[in-house]
Amino acid sequence: MTRSPNKLIPAEFTPVPSLAAADAVEVVAVDELGAGALDALGVLVHSDGDLPEGVPLDREALARAGFEAKAGTSIVLARPEPTLIVIVGLGPAAELTDAAVRDAAAAFVRAVPKASNVGLRVPSLGGVDAESAARALTEGALLARYRYDALKSEPRESRLGRVELHLDGVDAGTASAGIATGLVTARATAVARDLANTPPSHLTATDMAEVAEQLGGRFGFHVESYDKQQLIEMGCGGLLGVNAGSAEEPRLVKLRYTPSGESTGHLGLVGKGIMYDSGGISLKPSDPMHLLMKMDMGGAASVLAAFTALRDLGATATVSGWLMCTDNMPSGSAYKLGDVLTARGGKTVEVKNTDAEGRLAMMDGLVLATEDGVDAIIDIATLTGAALVSLGASTAAVFGTSQPLVDRLRDAAVATDEPAWQLPLEKKYRKQLDSDIADISNLGGPYAGAATAALFLAEFVGDTPWAHLDIAGTMQSDADDAWRSKGATGYGARILIEVARGFTPVG
């Protein structure tokens, strides 16, 4: 990457180190696990029914050791042989889901953090689809072992090298298809995590545009980036206004994936890319909050990451993306409370809080998406603390003008175990955004902040079906949690992939 001379950053630094790790790991479906060559062998066990082969203890002995096969639990059995045996709980057989299988794979690899070559045996899947289970196992194992260590002087002791999966009663070819999908979706999630975990001085808006170009060349999508002068000519007053206090230029990065065959539709994705958010003149109050604000571009990271999967998964729709990238800094040139910005398309916006900046940057992208004639728009943004207060750190907020599109997002959230909950786009709250001097203001009242932010964005989509994911709460995890590793979660990348790969127009 090209680095400006004032950056004390190694020339060889890359914001997406997980790509090399993804290329190095091998996940295979096997008819017989090679126990002699494995560092660890995992066996998944239900809390009811007979124990599968490969478990050297009976249930009574396991219970004495404190293991009851509850979902996500594990016990490591040391033996004279070099291969460790790990028993992993799945919970009741009747309650088995893809999510439980994914969590079990994560629990297994976390139980043996130094094991490189591992094998995992899965008993009867009951009603769970075998291909989906293989995908979930792959995602769980790879994402649980994710660590961002690009800036550590010494690499991790051990990375996954080979993962063998044996699903009882399942043809290896069926499992292999699920593994192939899981490798792609796990890789995409890791890319989103890498980008969001990268320090802000190591990944500016201009850097993000360069990363997008590199990824586009590798994964088969077209990239165009627009600099400050071009944004002025395009009338993108929201993105330019937020950028006004920064020493770094903004970038609007447009992505375009075109399927090899006839397109089934055209989906637009808009991602908030605030590379670092100080709050601007409305400065954020605390160091812990400031530390997390390198992840305020998590929406753009998830959009870009999703594009890396579309060709490899044979997506049938045309997909366009708009990454709205800048940082939000206080300085003598920063935009001020009371300023009025003009969005692409001419709508004027009174600034009542410079820390409500994401919606200002995104409004230009939403207008550009409508101008491009997309069949539907999904935007994703770390937008409001109100979403975190409402739903906590595990569930994103969903709003939309098209219930069928919202339903597709919700279905994708269930399939990927990235929880999302629909909140009402209550039009009664729209008057809170009224302005005395402009068409609209960028801030509502003290309550329902996630809803008023969504109502603001809805002003810029016209009649195009639209859905909005507010991922402020889900962007990061304070600790390892199943397949969610500490730090950036990459939330949303797999949801967007799920919706985009077979997209058709909605009502």
Protein backbone atom coordinates (compact mmCIF):
# COMPACT_ATOMS: atom_id res chain seq x y z
CA MET A 1 0.00 0.00 0.00
CA THR A 2 1.10 3.58 -0.60
CA ARG A 3 1.78 5.31 2.71
CA SER A 4 1.96 9.04 3.31
CA PRO A 5 5.43 10.09 4.60
CA ASN A 6 4.13 11.18 8.02
CA LYS A 7 2.90 7.68 8.92
CA LEU A 8 5.31 5.59 10.99
CA ILE A 9 3.82 2.35 9.67
CA PRO A 10 5.79 -0.56 8.18
CA ALA A 11 5.60 -0.60 4.41
CA GLU A 12 4.76 -4.31 4.47
CA PHE A 13 1.76 -3.89 6.79
CA THR A 14 -1.52 -5.21 5.43
CA PRO A 15 -4.95 -4.54 6.97
CA VAL A 16 -6.18 -8.02 5.94
CA PRO A 17 -3.66 -10.53 7.34
CA SER A 18 -6.33 -13.22 7.75
CA LEU A 19 -6.31 -13.88 4.01
CA ALA A 20 -2.91 -15.57 4.31
CA ALA A 21 -4.18 -17.63 7.25
CA ALA A 22 -7.30 -18.60 5.29
CA ASP A 23 -5.15 -19.82 2.40
CA ALA A 24 -3.06 -21.93 4.79
CA VAL A 25 -5.84 -23.86 6.56
CA GLU A 26 -7.31 -27.04 5.08
CA VAL A 27 -10.78 -28.26 6.03
CA VAL A 28 -11.78 -31.65 4.63
CA ALA A 29 -14.61 -34.16 4.99
CA VAL A 30 -13.30 -37.67 5.65
CA ASP A 31 -14.79 -41.16 5.91
CA GLU A 32 -12.35 -42.03 8.69
CA LEU A 33 -10.59 -39.63 11.04
CA GLY A 34 -6.79 -39.92 11.02
CA ALA A 35 -6.43 -40.07 14.78
CA GLY A 36 -2.75 -40.99 14.66
CA ALA A 37 -1.81 -37.78 12.87
CA LEU A 38 -4.08 -35.45 14.83
CA ASP A 39 -3.15 -33.19 17.73
CA ALA A 40 -6.70 -33.39 19.03
CA LEU A 41 -9.81 -35.39 18.27
CA GLY A 42 -13.20 -33.96 19.18
CA VAL A 43 -16.38 -35.97 19.60
CA LEU A 44 -19.74 -34.17 19.79
CA VAL A 45 -22.11 -35.64 22.35
CA HIS A 46 -25.79 -35.07 23.04
CA SER A 47 -26.97 -34.82 26.62
CA ASP A 48 -29.37 -37.71 26.00
CA GLY A 49 -29.27 -41.00 24.13
CA ASP A 50 -26.35 -43.36 23.64
CA LEU A 51 -22.79 -42.09 23.60
CA PRO A 52 -21.16 -42.34 20.17
CA GLU A 53 -18.08 -44.43 19.47
CA GLY A 54 -14.81 -42.77 20.38
CA VAL A 55 -15.87 -41.68 23.87
CA PRO A 56 -13.65 -43.64 26.29
CA LEU A 57 -15.85 -42.95 29.35
CA ASP A 58 -19.47 -43.69 30.15
CA ARG A 59 -21.99 -41.04 31.16
CA GLU A 60 -21.57 -41.74 34.84
CA ALA A 61 -17.82 -41.15 34.64
CA LEU A 62 -18.32 -37.98 32.61
CA ALA A 63 -20.85 -36.73 35.17
CA ARG A 64 -18.36 -37.33 37.98
CA ALA A 65 -15.95 -35.12 36.06
CA GLY A 66 -18.63 -32.42 35.91
CA PHE A 67 -19.52 -32.89 32.23
CA GLU A 68 -23.22 -33.20 31.36
CA ALA A 69 -22.98 -32.49 27.61
CA LYS A 70 -24.74 -29.15 27.86
CA ALA A 71 -24.52 -27.16 24.64
CA GLY A 72 -21.15 -25.45 24.19
CA THR A 73 -19.38 -27.22 27.07
CA SER A 74 -16.26 -29.38 26.69
CA ILE A 75 -13.88 -31.62 28.60
CA VAL A 76 -10.35 -32.54 27.54
CA LEU A 77 -9.21 -36.09 28.28
CA ALA A 78 -5.44 -36.51 28.48
CA ARG A 79 -4.08 -39.89 27.34
CA PRO A 80 -0.68 -41.53 26.88
CA GLU A 81 -1.17 -41.21 23.12
CA PRO A 82 -0.24 -37.83 21.59
CA THR A 83 -3.79 -37.17 20.37
CA LEU A 84 -5.97 -35.39 22.92
CA ILE A 85 -9.61 -36.45 23.18
CA VAL A 86 -12.11 -33.63 23.61
CA ILE A 87 -15.76 -34.34 24.40
CA VAL A 88 -18.03 -31.47 23.38
CA GLY A 89 -21.65 -31.03 24.46
CA LEU A 90 -24.49 -30.50 21.99
CA GLY A 91 -27.41 -30.46 24.42
CA PRO A 92 -30.59 -32.50 23.78
CA ALA A 93 -30.76 -34.22 20.40
CA ALA A 94 -34.24 -32.85 19.74
CA GLU A 95 -32.98 -29.28 20.10
CA LEU A 96 -30.06 -29.54 17.67
CA THR A 97 -29.67 -26.57 15.32
CA ASP A 98 -27.02 -25.19 12.97
CA ALA A 99 -26.17 -22.64 15.64
CA ALA A 100 -25.55 -25.38 18.23
CA VAL A 101 -23.30 -27.22 15.80
CA ARG A 102 -21.36 -24.02 15.05
CA ASP A 103 -20.94 -23.30 18.76
CA ALA A 104 -19.77 -26.86 19.40
CA ALA A 105 -17.04 -26.61 16.76
CA ALA A 106 -15.94 -23.34 18.35
CA ALA A 107 -15.89 -24.89 21.82
CA PHE A 108 -13.74 -27.74 20.50
CA VAL A 109 -10.99 -25.63 18.97
CA ARG A 110 -10.97 -23.26 21.94
CA ALA A 111 -10.47 -26.23 24.29
CA VAL A 112 -7.19 -27.11 22.53
CA PRO A 113 -5.71 -23.71 21.60
CA LYS A 114 -2.28 -25.10 20.66
CA ALA A 115 -3.56 -27.90 18.42
CA SER A 116 -2.91 -27.34 14.71
CA ASN A 117 -4.22 -30.53 13.10
CA VAL A 118 -7.59 -31.55 14.52
CA GLY A 119 -10.45 -33.87 13.76
CA LEU A 120 -14.10 -33.64 14.75
CA ARG A 121 -16.69 -36.41 14.79
CA VAL A 122 -20.37 -35.50 14.65
CA PRO A 123 -23.09 -38.02 15.60
CA SER A 124 -26.52 -38.22 14.02
CA LEU A 125 -27.73 -34.79 12.93
CA GLY A 126 -31.43 -35.52 13.33
CA GLY A 127 -33.33 -32.87 11.41
CA VAL A 128 -30.33 -30.63 10.69
CA ASP A 129 -29.33 -30.48 7.03
CA ALA A 130 -25.93 -32.14 6.55
CA GLU A 131 -24.56 -29.52 4.15
CA SER A 132 -25.61 -26.69 6.46
CA ALA A 133 -24.07 -28.51 9.41
CA ALA A 134 -20.74 -28.88 7.61
CA ARG A 135 -20.79 -25.19 6.80
CA ALA A 136 -21.55 -24.33 10.43
CA LEU A 137 -18.77 -26.60 11.70
CA THR A 138 -16.29 -24.93 9.37
CA GLU A 139 -17.36 -21.43 10.38
CA GLY A 140 -17.29 -22.28 14.07
CA ALA A 141 -13.80 -23.77 14.00
CA LEU A 142 -12.19 -21.07 11.86
CA LEU A 143 -13.86 -18.05 13.45
CA ALA A 144 -13.20 -19.21 17.01
CA ARG A 145 -9.49 -19.45 16.25
CA TYR A 146 -9.39 -15.96 14.74
CA ARG A 147 -6.99 -13.53 16.38
CA TYR A 148 -5.85 -10.12 15.21
CA ASP A 149 -2.09 -10.25 15.73
CA ALA A 150 -0.82 -8.35 12.70
CA LEU A 151 0.99 -5.83 14.91
CA LYS A 152 2.44 -8.25 17.46
CA SER A 153 6.21 -8.71 17.30
CA GLU A 154 5.87 -12.47 17.75
CA PRO A 155 3.22 -14.54 15.95
CA ARG A 156 0.86 -16.92 17.71
CA GLU A 157 2.25 -20.27 18.83
CA SER A 158 -0.18 -22.28 16.74
CA ARG A 159 -2.72 -21.75 14.00
CA LEU A 160 -5.11 -24.24 12.53
CA GLY A 161 -3.46 -26.18 9.74
CA ARG A 162 -5.91 -28.97 9.00
CA VAL A 163 -9.43 -29.71 10.19
CA GLU A 164 -10.97 -33.11 9.45
CA LEU A 165 -14.74 -33.50 9.73
CA HIS A 166 -16.56 -36.82 9.93
CA LEU A 167 -20.35 -36.65 10.02
CA ASP A 168 -21.89 -40.02 10.90
CA GLY A 169 -24.02 -41.35 8.07
CA VAL A 170 -23.26 -38.44 5.75
CA ASP A 171 -21.57 -38.77 2.38
CA ALA A 172 -18.25 -36.93 2.31
CA GLY A 173 -19.26 -35.17 -0.91
CA THR A 174 -22.32 -33.64 0.74
CA ALA A 175 -20.24 -32.44 3.65
CA SER A 176 -17.58 -31.08 1.29
CA ALA A 177 -20.12 -28.76 -0.36
CA GLY A 178 -20.96 -27.25 3.04
CA ILE A 179 -17.28 -26.95 3.91
CA ALA A 180 -16.60 -25.06 0.68
CA THR A 181 -19.30 -22.52 1.55
CA GLY A 182 -18.10 -22.25 5.15
CA LEU A 183 -14.54 -21.53 4.06
CA VAL A 184 -15.74 -18.60 1.96
CA THR A 185 -18.10 -17.13 4.57
CA ALA A 186 -15.58 -17.55 7.40
CA ARG A 187 -12.92 -15.89 5.26
CA ALA A 188 -15.23 -12.96 4.55
CA THR A 189 -16.04 -12.54 8.24
CA ALA A 190 -12.34 -12.60 9.08
CA VAL A 191 -11.73 -9.86 6.49
CA ALA A 192 -14.41 -7.70 8.13
CA ARG A 193 -12.85 -8.36 11.54
CA ASP A 194 -9.37 -7.49 10.28
CA LEU A 195 -10.52 -4.17 8.86
CA ALA A 196 -12.43 -3.17 11.99
CA ASN A 197 -9.60 -4.25 14.31
CA THR A 198 -6.96 -2.26 12.41
CA PRO A 199 -5.83 0.91 14.23
CA PRO A 200 -7.19 4.12 12.71
CA SER A 201 -3.82 5.50 11.64
CA HIS A 202 -3.11 2.23 9.86
CA LEU A 203 -6.39 2.28 7.92
CA THR A 204 -7.56 5.67 6.70
CA ALA A 205 -10.27 6.34 4.13
CA THR A 206 -7.67 6.40 1.34
CA ASP A 207 -6.22 3.14 2.63
CA MET A 208 -9.70 1.60 2.63
CA ALA A 209 -10.05 2.49 -1.05
CA GLU A 210 -6.71 0.81 -1.82
CA VAL A 211 -7.68 -2.30 0.13
CA ALA A 212 -10.95 -2.46 -1.81
CA GLU A 213 -9.07 -2.30 -5.11
CA GLN A 214 -6.77 -5.12 -4.04
CA LEU A 215 -9.66 -7.28 -2.88
CA GLY A 216 -11.65 -6.52 -6.03
CA GLY A 217 -8.79 -7.73 -8.20
CA ARG A 218 -8.51 -10.95 -6.22
CA PHE A 219 -12.19 -11.75 -5.77
CA GLY A 220 -13.76 -10.57 -8.99
CA PHE A 221 -15.59 -7.30 -8.39
CA HIS A 222 -15.12 -3.84 -9.84
CA VAL A 223 -13.99 -0.92 -7.67
CA GLU A 224 -14.16 2.82 -8.26
CA SER A 225 -13.06 5.38 -5.68
CA TYR A 226 -13.87 9.08 -5.60
CA ASP A 227 -11.58 11.65 -3.98
CA LYS A 228 -12.42 14.93 -2.29
CA GLN A 229 -12.56 17.01 -5.46
CA GLN A 230 -14.79 14.48 -7.17
CA LEU A 231 -17.08 14.41 -4.13
CA ILE A 232 -17.37 18.20 -4.32
CA GLU A 233 -18.36 17.91 -7.98
CA MET A 234 -20.87 15.18 -7.09
CA GLY A 235 -22.48 17.32 -4.39
CA CYS A 236 -21.87 14.83 -1.56
CA GLY A 237 -22.19 17.43 1.18
CA GLY A 238 -22.78 14.92 3.97
CA LEU A 239 -19.53 13.03 3.56
CA LEU A 240 -17.62 16.25 2.91
CA GLY A 241 -19.12 17.96 5.95
CA VAL A 242 -18.12 15.16 8.29
CA ASN A 243 -14.63 15.16 6.77
CA ALA A 244 -14.13 18.91 7.14
CA GLY A 245 -12.15 18.68 10.39
CA SER A 246 -9.81 15.94 9.25
CA ALA A 247 -6.28 16.03 7.86
CA GLU A 248 -7.15 12.87 5.91
CA GLU A 249 -9.14 13.00 2.67
CA PRO A 250 -12.50 11.22 2.43
CA ARG A 251 -13.23 8.47 -0.05
CA LEU A 252 -16.44 7.20 -1.56
CA VAL A 253 -15.71 3.65 -2.71
CA LYS A 254 -18.15 2.07 -5.15
CA LEU A 255 -18.16 -1.70 -5.60
CA ARG A 256 -19.90 -3.66 -8.35
CA TYR A 257 -20.29 -7.42 -8.68
CA THR A 258 -21.76 -8.73 -11.94
CA PRO A 259 -22.80 -12.38 -12.18
CA SER A 260 -21.54 -14.55 -15.03
CA GLY A 261 -25.06 -15.35 -16.23
CA GLU A 262 -28.28 -13.41 -16.49
CA SER A 263 -28.78 -11.28 -13.38
CA THR A 264 -31.69 -12.12 -11.08
CA GLY A 265 -31.87 -8.59 -9.68
CA HIS A 266 -29.84 -5.62 -8.48
CA LEU A 267 -29.13 -5.17 -4.77
CA GLY A 268 -27.55 -2.03 -3.31
CA LEU A 269 -25.50 -2.14 -0.10
CA VAL A 270 -24.45 1.04 1.71
CA GLY A 271 -21.90 0.87 4.54
CA LYS A 272 -20.96 3.46 7.13
CA GLY A 273 -17.20 3.92 6.97
CA ILE A 274 -16.27 6.35 9.74
CA MET A 275 -12.65 5.26 10.05
CA TYR A 276 -12.33 6.94 13.43
CA ASP A 277 -15.04 8.84 15.26
CA SER A 278 -13.95 11.34 17.87
CA GLY A 279 -17.42 12.87 17.84
CA GLY A 280 -16.09 16.01 16.19
CA ILE A 281 -16.96 19.23 18.00
CA SER A 282 -19.47 17.15 20.00
CA LEU A 283 -16.51 15.27 21.45
CA LYS A 284 -17.16 11.82 22.91
CA PRO A 285 -16.81 11.76 26.71
CA SER A 286 -14.72 8.72 27.62
CA ASP A 287 -11.49 6.90 26.81
CA PRO A 288 -13.17 3.44 26.58
CA MET A 289 -15.61 4.83 24.02
CA HIS A 290 -12.82 6.50 22.07
CA LEU A 291 -10.86 3.24 21.96
CA LEU A 292 -13.74 1.44 20.26
CA MET A 293 -14.23 4.12 17.62
CA LYS A 294 -11.69 2.60 15.25
CA MET A 295 -14.56 0.15 14.64
CA ASP A 296 -17.03 2.82 13.56
CA MET A 297 -16.37 1.68 10.01
CA GLY A 298 -17.69 -1.81 10.79
CA GLY A 299 -20.61 -1.40 8.39
CA ALA A 300 -18.36 -0.57 5.44
CA ALA A 301 -16.04 -3.41 6.47
CA SER A 302 -18.92 -5.90 6.37
CA VAL A 303 -20.09 -4.68 2.95
CA LEU A 304 -16.59 -4.92 1.49
CA ALA A 305 -16.08 -8.34 3.08
CA ALA A 306 -19.38 -9.61 1.66
CA PHE A 307 -18.20 -8.77 -1.85
CA THR A 308 -15.22 -11.12 -1.43
CA ALA A 309 -17.67 -14.06 -1.27
CA LEU A 310 -20.05 -13.35 -4.16
CA ARG A 311 -18.09 -14.81 -7.06
CA ASP A 312 -16.91 -17.87 -5.15
CA LEU A 313 -20.48 -18.66 -4.05
CA GLY A 314 -21.92 -18.12 -7.53
CA ALA A 315 -24.14 -15.17 -6.61
CA THR A 316 -26.80 -14.71 -9.28
CA ALA A 317 -27.68 -11.04 -8.71
CA THR A 318 -25.89 -7.84 -9.55
CA VAL A 319 -24.70 -6.25 -6.31
CA SER A 320 -23.48 -2.67 -5.92
CA GLY A 321 -21.90 -1.22 -2.80
CA TRP A 322 -21.17 2.27 -1.55
CA LEU A 323 -18.60 2.66 1.23
CA MET A 324 -18.84 6.12 2.77
CA CYS A 325 -15.39 6.60 4.28
CA THR A 326 -13.93 9.42 6.37
CA ASP A 327 -12.93 10.09 9.94
CA ASN A 328 -14.72 12.61 12.14
CA MET A 329 -12.28 14.91 13.89
CA PRO A 330 -12.39 18.23 15.81
CA SER A 331 -10.26 21.07 14.43
CA GLY A 332 -10.50 24.68 13.35
CA SER A 333 -12.02 23.60 10.06
CA ALA A 334 -14.49 21.07 11.49
CA TYR A 335 -18.18 21.35 10.78
CA LYS A 336 -20.12 22.95 13.62
CA LEU A 337 -23.41 22.64 15.43
CA GLY A 338 -25.84 24.83 13.54
CA ASP A 339 -24.19 24.31 10.16
CA VAL A 340 -26.38 23.26 7.25
CA LEU A 341 -25.11 20.59 4.87
CA THR A 342 -26.54 19.84 1.43
CA ALA A 343 -26.86 16.16 0.56
CA ARG A 344 -26.51 14.65 -2.87
CA GLY A 345 -29.82 15.43 -4.55
CA GLY A 346 -30.27 18.80 -2.82
CA LYS A 347 -31.90 18.06 0.56
CA THR A 348 -30.55 20.39 3.27
CA VAL A 349 -29.69 19.15 6.77
CA GLU A 350 -29.19 21.20 9.93
CA VAL A 351 -26.41 19.80 12.13
CA LYS A 352 -27.57 19.62 15.74
CA ASN A 353 -24.87 17.20 16.86
CA THR A 354 -21.60 16.44 15.06
CA ASP A 355 -21.49 13.02 16.74
CA ALA A 356 -24.57 12.02 14.73
CA GLU A 357 -22.23 11.93 11.75
CA GLY A 358 -22.77 8.45 10.34
CA ARG A 359 -26.19 9.27 8.99
CA LEU A 360 -24.77 12.39 7.31
CA ALA A 361 -22.09 10.41 5.51
CA MET A 362 -24.55 7.69 4.54
CA MET A 363 -27.28 9.95 3.15
CA ASP A 364 -25.17 10.63 0.06
CA GLY A 365 -24.63 6.90 -0.49
CA LEU A 366 -28.34 6.16 -0.19
CA VAL A 367 -29.18 8.78 -2.82
CA LEU A 368 -26.48 7.40 -5.14
CA ALA A 369 -27.94 3.92 -4.74
CA THR A 370 -31.41 5.13 -5.74
CA GLU A 371 -29.91 6.93 -8.74
CA ASP A 372 -28.27 3.67 -9.78
CA GLY A 373 -31.70 2.05 -10.09
CA VAL A 374 -31.18 -0.78 -7.61
CA ASP A 375 -34.15 -2.99 -6.79
CA ALA A 376 -33.56 -2.69 -3.04
CA ILE A 377 -31.15 -1.09 -0.60
CA ILE A 378 -29.71 -2.50 2.60
CA ASP A 379 -27.56 -0.22 4.70
CA ILE A 380 -25.45 -1.34 7.64
CA ALA A 381 -23.97 0.99 10.22
CA THR A 382 -22.65 1.28 13.76
CA LEU A 383 -25.18 4.04 14.06
CA THR A 384 -26.64 4.60 17.52
CA GLY A 385 -25.93 3.91 21.17
CA ALA A 386 -29.69 3.64 21.49
CA ALA A 387 -29.61 0.33 19.60
CA LEU A 388 -27.11 -1.00 22.13
CA VAL A 389 -29.23 0.23 25.05
CA SER A 390 -32.37 -1.32 23.53
CA LEU A 391 -31.08 -4.72 22.46
CA GLY A 392 -27.71 -5.22 24.12
CA ALA A 393 -24.44 -6.35 22.59
CA SER A 394 -25.68 -9.55 20.95
CA THR A 395 -28.60 -8.35 18.81
CA ALA A 396 -28.70 -5.76 16.03
CA ALA A 397 -31.67 -3.51 15.32
CA VAL A 398 -33.50 -3.81 11.99
CA PHE A 399 -35.76 -1.17 10.45
CA GLY A 400 -37.21 -0.91 6.98
CA THR A 401 -39.82 0.37 4.56
CA SER A 402 -40.22 -3.05 2.91
CA GLN A 403 -41.38 -5.90 5.14
CA PRO A 404 -40.36 -8.58 2.61
CA LEU A 405 -36.82 -7.16 2.57
CA VAL A 406 -36.73 -6.95 6.37
CA ASP A 407 -37.94 -10.56 6.51
CA ARG A 408 -35.08 -11.65 4.25
CA LEU A 409 -32.63 -9.94 6.59
CA ARG A 410 -34.19 -11.59 9.61
CA ASP A 411 -34.11 -15.01 7.94
CA ALA A 412 -30.43 -14.49 7.09
CA ALA A 413 -29.75 -13.45 10.67
CA VAL A 414 -31.26 -16.71 11.93
CA ALA A 415 -29.34 -18.80 9.38
CA THR A 416 -26.01 -17.23 10.34
CA ASP A 417 -26.70 -16.94 14.10
CA GLU A 418 -26.12 -13.20 13.97
CA PRO A 419 -29.23 -12.13 15.91
CA ALA A 420 -31.31 -9.20 14.69
CA TRP A 421 -34.62 -7.83 15.95
CA GLN A 422 -37.04 -5.63 14.05
CA LEU A 423 -37.93 -2.32 15.68
CA PRO A 424 -40.77 -0.08 14.47
CA LEU A 425 -40.09 2.71 12.00
CA GLU A 426 -42.57 4.86 13.90
CA LYS A 427 -43.56 7.79 11.68
CA LYS A 428 -44.96 9.72 14.65
CA TYR A 429 -41.34 10.39 15.66
CA ARG A 430 -40.47 12.00 12.33
CA LYS A 431 -41.42 15.48 13.59
CA GLN A 432 -38.52 15.29 16.05
CA LEU A 433 -36.24 15.74 13.03
CA ASP A 434 -37.90 18.97 11.88
CA SER A 435 -35.65 21.99 11.43
CA ASP A 436 -36.51 25.69 11.47
CA ILE A 437 -33.90 26.54 8.85
CA ALA A 438 -33.35 23.39 6.75
CA ASP A 439 -35.32 20.51 5.26
CA ILE A 440 -34.40 18.21 8.16
CA SER A 441 -32.07 18.04 11.15
CA ASN A 442 -29.68 15.21 11.96
CA LEU A 443 -30.88 14.60 15.51
CA GLY A 444 -34.19 13.82 17.18
CA GLY A 445 -35.21 13.96 20.82
CA PRO A 446 -33.80 12.15 23.85
CA TYR A 447 -35.77 8.93 23.28
CA ALA A 448 -36.04 6.32 20.52
CA GLY A 449 -32.69 7.36 19.10
CA ALA A 450 -32.33 4.25 16.94
CA ALA A 451 -35.76 4.91 15.41
CA THR A 452 -35.19 8.60 14.69
CA ALA A 453 -31.82 7.76 13.10
CA ALA A 454 -33.57 5.23 10.88
CA LEU A 455 -36.27 7.76 10.02
CA PHE A 456 -33.55 10.18 8.97
CA LEU A 457 -32.01 7.62 6.61
CA ALA A 458 -35.43 6.76 5.21
CA GLU A 459 -35.70 10.33 3.90
CA PHE A 460 -33.03 9.53 1.28
CA VAL A 461 -34.25 6.27 -0.26
CA GLY A 462 -37.34 7.50 -2.07
CA ASP A 463 -39.63 4.64 -3.09
CA THR A 464 -36.85 2.04 -3.27
CA PRO A 465 -37.42 -0.89 -0.88
CA TRP A 466 -35.00 -0.31 1.99
CA ALA A 467 -33.81 -1.98 5.18
CA HIS A 468 -31.37 -0.73 7.80
CA LEU A 469 -29.15 -2.72 10.18
CA ASP A 470 -27.92 -0.80 13.23
CA ILE A 471 -24.93 -2.81 14.49
CA ALA A 472 -23.61 -0.43 17.15
CA GLY A 473 -24.07 -3.09 19.83
CA THR A 474 -22.90 -6.11 17.86
CA MET A 475 -19.76 -4.67 16.26
CA GLN A 476 -17.43 -6.01 18.96
CA SER A 477 -17.20 -8.50 21.79
CA ASP A 478 -15.51 -7.84 25.12
CA ALA A 479 -14.50 -11.50 25.45
CA ASP A 480 -14.39 -14.73 23.48
CA ASP A 481 -17.93 -16.03 23.07
CA ALA A 482 -18.37 -19.27 21.12
CA TRP A 483 -17.24 -18.44 17.55
CA ARG A 484 -17.16 -14.70 18.29
CA SER A 485 -13.57 -13.82 19.15
CA LYS A 486 -12.68 -10.90 21.37
CA GLY A 487 -12.57 -7.64 19.43
CA ALA A 488 -14.37 -6.91 16.19
CA THR A 489 -16.99 -9.54 15.37
CA GLY A 490 -17.40 -8.94 11.64
CA TYR A 491 -21.14 -8.89 12.32
CA GLY A 492 -23.23 -8.53 9.20
CA ALA A 493 -20.85 -9.86 6.57
CA ARG A 494 -22.48 -13.30 6.51
CA ILE A 495 -25.98 -11.80 6.71
CA LEU A 496 -25.30 -9.68 3.62
CA ILE A 497 -23.80 -12.66 1.80
CA GLU A 498 -26.87 -14.74 2.60
CA VAL A 499 -29.24 -12.09 1.24
CA ALA A 500 -27.12 -11.11 -1.76
CA ARG A 501 -26.11 -14.48 -3.21
CA GLY A 502 -29.61 -15.31 -4.49
CA PHE A 503 -31.24 -11.88 -4.41
CA THR A 504 -34.42 -11.21 -6.38
CA PRO A 505 -36.53 -8.03 -6.32
CA VAL A 506 -38.89 -7.53 -3.38
CA GLY A 507 -42.12 -5.65 -2.83
